Amino acid sequence: MTDRPADAPDAEIVCPARPESLAALLAFVAEASARAGLDRDSTFAVRLAAEEVCTNVIAHAYPNGAAGPVRLRFRRDPAAVLVTVEDLGIPFDPAQVARPAADAAWEARPIGGMGWHLVRESVDEVRHEHLPGGGNRLTLVKRLSPDP
């Protein structure tokens, strides 16, 4: 595993928030994870969390079928991977999303609502900020085990 130089830029992609952009966004996360030397489990967790967040941006951030941008940044430091997802859509705070009743029978659970649960379970930290000009910045933090 090689560390990138401290002054190397973060990897970044910007796409329209449309369903047809999801494959490119996820390929970006997979490629950045490979370049960062992530193991299979960490790559899966980061990709799953990014997929859920990007899917929510595509489905909910821009009203009336508008397709504003979704920006992903990928950064690896010695202790963690950070994936930042930004949109210019309606304000949204994932901390306000209720945790699903995981112990309830499946028939009693509402449809949907498991995405944020998967995000929270896949990464170690979820940070949210409202952007000053409007929109949201969500940072997913996956801590990495030190090399033996």
C-alpha atoms as a PDB file:
ATOM      1  CA  MET A   1       0.000   0.000   0.000  1.00  0.00           C
ATOM      2  CA  THR A   2       1.389   3.382  -0.930  1.00  0.00           C
ATOM      3  CA  ASP A   3       0.437   6.668   0.614  1.00  0.00           C
ATOM      4  CA  ARG A   4      -0.186   9.545  -1.724  1.00  0.00           C
ATOM      5  CA  PRO A   5       1.954  12.638  -1.216  1.00  0.00           C
ATOM      6  CA  ALA A   6       0.502  15.077   1.320  1.00  0.00           C
ATOM      7  CA  ASP A   7       0.126  17.720  -1.396  1.00  0.00           C
ATOM      8  CA  ALA A   8      -1.623  15.446  -3.913  1.00  0.00           C
ATOM      9  CA  PRO A   9      -5.126  16.657  -4.835  1.00  0.00           C
ATOM     10  CA  ASP A  10      -8.164  14.705  -3.797  1.00  0.00           C
ATOM     11  CA  ALA A  11      -9.810  12.660  -6.519  1.00  0.00           C
ATOM     12  CA  GLU A  12     -13.073  14.215  -7.665  1.00  0.00           C
ATOM     13  CA  ILE A  13     -15.967  13.664 -10.070  1.00  0.00           C
ATOM     14  CA  VAL A  14     -18.988  15.844 -10.855  1.00  0.00           C
ATOM     15  CA  CYS A  15     -22.042  14.479 -12.642  1.00  0.00           C
ATOM     16  CA  PRO A  16     -25.657  15.500 -13.132  1.00  0.00           C
ATOM     17  CA  ALA A  17     -27.822  14.035 -10.382  1.00  0.00           C
ATOM     18  CA  ARG A  18     -29.587  11.594 -12.707  1.00  0.00           C
ATOM     19  CA  PRO A  19     -30.009   7.822 -12.508  1.00  0.00           C
ATOM     20  CA  GLU A  20     -27.778   7.305 -15.551  1.00  0.00           C
ATOM     21  CA  SER A  21     -24.877   8.962 -13.651  1.00  0.00           C
ATOM     22  CA  LEU A  22     -24.902   6.409 -10.833  1.00  0.00           C
ATOM     23  CA  ALA A  23     -22.677   3.898 -12.660  1.00  0.00           C
ATOM     24  CA  ALA A  24     -19.981   6.541 -13.283  1.00  0.00           C
ATOM     25  CA  LEU A  25     -20.126   7.729  -9.669  1.00  0.00           C
ATOM     26  CA  LEU A  26     -19.735   4.192  -8.323  1.00  0.00           C
ATOM     27  CA  ALA A  27     -16.964   3.357 -10.786  1.00  0.00           C
ATOM     28  CA  PHE A  28     -15.159   6.464  -9.529  1.00  0.00           C
ATOM     29  CA  VAL A  29     -15.425   5.238  -5.909  1.00  0.00           C
ATOM     30  CA  ALA A  30     -14.243   1.742  -6.867  1.00  0.00           C
ATOM     31  CA  GLU A  31     -11.264   3.070  -8.845  1.00  0.00           C
ATOM     32  CA  ALA A  32     -10.287   5.552  -6.124  1.00  0.00           C
ATOM     33  CA  SER A  33     -10.545   2.787  -3.506  1.00  0.00           C
ATOM     34  CA  ALA A  34      -8.247   0.571  -5.585  1.00  0.00           C
ATOM     35  CA  ARG A  35      -5.715   3.391  -6.054  1.00  0.00           C
ATOM     36  CA  ALA A  36      -5.836   4.021  -2.299  1.00  0.00           C
ATOM     37  CA  GLY A  37      -5.056   0.356  -1.599  1.00  0.00           C
ATOM     38  CA  LEU A  38      -8.239  -0.428   0.316  1.00  0.00           C
ATOM     39  CA  ASP A  39      -8.964  -4.032   1.134  1.00  0.00           C
ATOM     40  CA  ARG A  40     -12.064  -5.751  -0.242  1.00  0.00           C
ATOM     41  CA  ASP A  41     -14.214  -5.221   2.866  1.00  0.00           C
ATOM     42  CA  SER A  42     -13.391  -1.510   3.169  1.00  0.00           C
ATOM     43  CA  THR A  43     -13.967  -0.997  -0.553  1.00  0.00           C
ATOM     44  CA  PHE A  44     -17.366  -2.699  -0.317  1.00  0.00           C
ATOM     45  CA  ALA A  45     -18.382  -0.611   2.719  1.00  0.00           C
ATOM     46  CA  VAL A  46     -17.311   2.701   1.178  1.00  0.00           C
ATOM     47  CA  ARG A  47     -18.963   1.894  -2.146  1.00  0.00           C
ATOM     48  CA  LEU A  48     -22.219   0.800  -0.478  1.00  0.00           C
ATOM     49  CA  ALA A  49     -22.421   3.973   1.612  1.00  0.00           C
ATOM     50  CA  ALA A  50     -21.620   6.161  -1.414  1.00  0.00           C
ATOM     51  CA  GLU A  51     -24.246   4.343  -3.494  1.00  0.00           C
ATOM     52  CA  GLU A  52     -26.955   4.956  -0.904  1.00  0.00           C
ATOM     53  CA  VAL A  53     -26.067   8.633  -0.539  1.00  0.00           C
ATOM     54  CA  CYS A  54     -25.829   9.244  -4.300  1.00  0.00           C
ATOM     55  CA  THR A  55     -29.112   7.414  -4.890  1.00  0.00           C
ATOM     56  CA  ASN A  56     -30.782   9.690  -2.330  1.00  0.00           C
ATOM     57  CA  VAL A  57     -29.315  12.811  -3.955  1.00  0.00           C
ATOM     58  CA  ILE A  58     -30.541  11.642  -7.359  1.00  0.00           C
ATOM     59  CA  ALA A  59     -34.027  10.830  -6.037  1.00  0.00           C
ATOM     60  CA  HIS A  60     -34.616  13.684  -3.601  1.00  0.00           C
ATOM     61  CA  ALA A  61     -32.180  16.627  -3.777  1.00  0.00           C
ATOM     62  CA  TYR A  62     -33.545  18.431  -6.801  1.00  0.00           C
ATOM     63  CA  PRO A  63     -37.313  19.004  -7.013  1.00  0.00           C
ATOM     64  CA  ASN A  64     -39.485  18.772 -10.083  1.00  0.00           C
ATOM     65  CA  GLY A  65     -37.116  16.574 -12.069  1.00  0.00           C
ATOM     66  CA  ALA A  66     -34.300  19.106 -12.108  1.00  0.00           C
ATOM     67  CA  ALA A  67     -30.820  17.598 -12.314  1.00  0.00           C
ATOM     68  CA  GLY A  68     -28.333  19.740 -10.508  1.00  0.00           C
ATOM     69  CA  PRO A  69     -24.818  18.539  -9.868  1.00  0.00           C
ATOM     70  CA  VAL A  70     -23.596  15.861  -7.506  1.00  0.00           C
ATOM     71  CA  ARG A  71     -19.899  16.100  -6.612  1.00  0.00           C
ATOM     72  CA  LEU A  72     -17.897  13.266  -5.057  1.00  0.00           C
ATOM     73  CA  ARG A  73     -14.468  13.706  -3.541  1.00  0.00           C
ATOM     74  CA  PHE A  74     -12.326  10.826  -2.375  1.00  0.00           C
ATOM     75  CA  ARG A  75      -9.437  11.310   0.034  1.00  0.00           C
ATOM     76  CA  ARG A  76      -7.292   8.768   1.827  1.00  0.00           C
ATOM     77  CA  ASP A  77      -5.157   9.770   4.737  1.00  0.00           C
ATOM     78  CA  PRO A  78      -3.077   7.342   6.818  1.00  0.00           C
ATOM     79  CA  ALA A  79      -5.945   6.572   9.197  1.00  0.00           C
ATOM     80  CA  ALA A  80      -9.114   6.830   7.110  1.00  0.00           C
ATOM     81  CA  VAL A  81     -10.872   7.260   3.810  1.00  0.00           C
ATOM     82  CA  LEU A  82     -13.177  10.229   3.414  1.00  0.00           C
ATOM     83  CA  VAL A  83     -15.805  10.353   0.682  1.00  0.00           C
ATOM     84  CA  THR A  84     -17.550  13.706   0.419  1.00  0.00           C
ATOM     85  CA  VAL A  85     -20.821  14.039  -1.477  1.00  0.00           C
ATOM     86  CA  GLU A  86     -22.074  17.528  -2.290  1.00  0.00           C
ATOM     87  CA  ASP A  87     -25.270  18.709  -3.910  1.00  0.00           C
ATOM     88  CA  LEU A  88     -26.907  22.087  -4.416  1.00  0.00           C
ATOM     89  CA  GLY A  89     -30.357  20.706  -3.690  1.00  0.00           C
ATOM     90  CA  ILE A  90     -32.862  21.155  -0.918  1.00  0.00           C
ATOM     91  CA  PRO A  91     -31.502  21.098   2.644  1.00  0.00           C
ATOM     92  CA  PHE A  92     -31.417  17.654   4.178  1.00  0.00           C
ATOM     93  CA  ASP A  93     -29.940  16.432   7.445  1.00  0.00           C
ATOM     94  CA  PRO A  94     -29.555  12.639   7.717  1.00  0.00           C
ATOM     95  CA  ALA A  95     -29.438  12.947  11.514  1.00  0.00           C
ATOM     96  CA  GLN A  96     -33.181  13.667  11.289  1.00  0.00           C
ATOM     97  CA  VAL A  97     -33.865  10.296   9.628  1.00  0.00           C
ATOM     98  CA  ALA A  98     -35.299   7.909  12.187  1.00  0.00           C
ATOM     99  CA  ARG A  99     -33.498   4.650  12.699  1.00  0.00           C
ATOM    100  CA  PRO A 100     -35.576   1.731  11.413  1.00  0.00           C
ATOM    101  CA  ALA A 101     -37.189  -0.667  13.824  1.00  0.00           C
ATOM    102  CA  ALA A 102     -34.817  -3.502  12.985  1.00  0.00           C
ATOM    103  CA  ASP A 103     -36.444  -5.801  15.522  1.00  0.00           C
ATOM    104  CA  ALA A 104     -39.930  -5.400  14.009  1.00  0.00           C
ATOM    105  CA  ALA A 105     -41.345  -8.100  11.774  1.00  0.00           C
ATOM    106  CA  TRP A 106     -40.710  -7.319   8.118  1.00  0.00           C
ATOM    107  CA  GLU A 107     -44.454  -7.055   7.445  1.00  0.00           C
ATOM    108  CA  ALA A 108     -44.692  -4.221  10.014  1.00  0.00           C
ATOM    109  CA  ARG A 109     -41.828  -2.175   8.579  1.00  0.00           C
ATOM    110  CA  PRO A 110     -42.549   0.693   6.198  1.00  0.00           C
ATOM    111  CA  ILE A 111     -41.208   0.444   2.663  1.00  0.00           C
ATOM    112  CA  GLY A 112     -37.891   2.237   2.380  1.00  0.00           C
ATOM    113  CA  GLY A 113     -35.890   3.767   5.181  1.00  0.00           C
ATOM    114  CA  MET A 114     -33.096   1.197   5.275  1.00  0.00           C
ATOM    115  CA  GLY A 115     -30.660   3.214   3.155  1.00  0.00           C
ATOM    116  CA  TRP A 116     -29.473   5.505   5.941  1.00  0.00           C
ATOM    117  CA  HIS A 117     -29.242   2.519   8.248  1.00  0.00           C
ATOM    118  CA  LEU A 118     -26.899   0.868   5.717  1.00  0.00           C
ATOM    119  CA  VAL A 119     -24.837   4.060   5.441  1.00  0.00           C
ATOM    120  CA  ARG A 120     -24.474   4.315   9.223  1.00  0.00           C
ATOM    121  CA  GLU A 121     -23.519   0.653   9.506  1.00  0.00           C
ATOM    122  CA  SER A 122     -21.036   0.746   6.602  1.00  0.00           C
ATOM    123  CA  VAL A 123     -18.892   3.687   7.688  1.00  0.00           C
ATOM    124  CA  ASP A 124     -17.590   4.876  11.044  1.00  0.00           C
ATOM    125  CA  GLU A 125     -18.809   8.439  10.870  1.00  0.00           C
ATOM    126  CA  VAL A 126     -21.284  10.510   8.862  1.00  0.00           C
ATOM    127  CA  ARG A 127     -20.794  14.288   8.923  1.00  0.00           C
ATOM    128  CA  HIS A 128     -23.343  16.676   7.454  1.00  0.00           C
ATOM    129  CA  GLU A 129     -23.150  20.399   6.701  1.00  0.00           C
ATOM    130  CA  HIS A 130     -25.499  22.765   4.972  1.00  0.00           C
ATOM    131  CA  LEU A 131     -23.542  24.658   2.310  1.00  0.00           C
ATOM    132  CA  PRO A 132     -23.571  28.457   2.668  1.00  0.00           C
ATOM    133  CA  GLY A 133     -24.997  29.053  -0.824  1.00  0.00           C
ATOM    134  CA  GLY A 134     -27.516  26.224  -0.455  1.00  0.00           C
ATOM    135  CA  GLY A 135     -27.162  22.487  -0.705  1.00  0.00           C
ATOM    136  CA  ASN A 136     -25.542  19.811   1.399  1.00  0.00           C
ATOM    137  CA  ARG A 137     -22.126  18.339   2.079  1.00  0.00           C
ATOM    138  CA  LEU A 138     -22.024  14.834   3.500  1.00  0.00           C
ATOM    139  CA  THR A 139     -18.716  13.297   4.492  1.00  0.00           C
ATOM    140  CA  LEU A 140     -18.458   9.542   4.979  1.00  0.00           C
ATOM    141  CA  VAL A 141     -15.494   8.467   7.125  1.00  0.00           C
ATOM    142  CA  LYS A 142     -14.221   4.893   7.050  1.00  0.00           C
ATOM    143  CA  ARG A 143     -11.380   4.315   9.495  1.00  0.00           C
ATOM    144  CA  LEU A 144      -8.649   1.975   8.280  1.00  0.00           C
ATOM    145  CA  SER A 145      -6.686  -0.605  10.207  1.00  0.00           C
ATOM    146  CA  PRO A 146      -3.003   0.232  10.476  1.00  0.00           C
ATOM    147  CA  ASP A 147      -0.690  -1.832   8.302  1.00  0.00           C
ATOM    148  CA  PRO A 148       0.856  -4.723  10.266  1.00  0.00           C
END
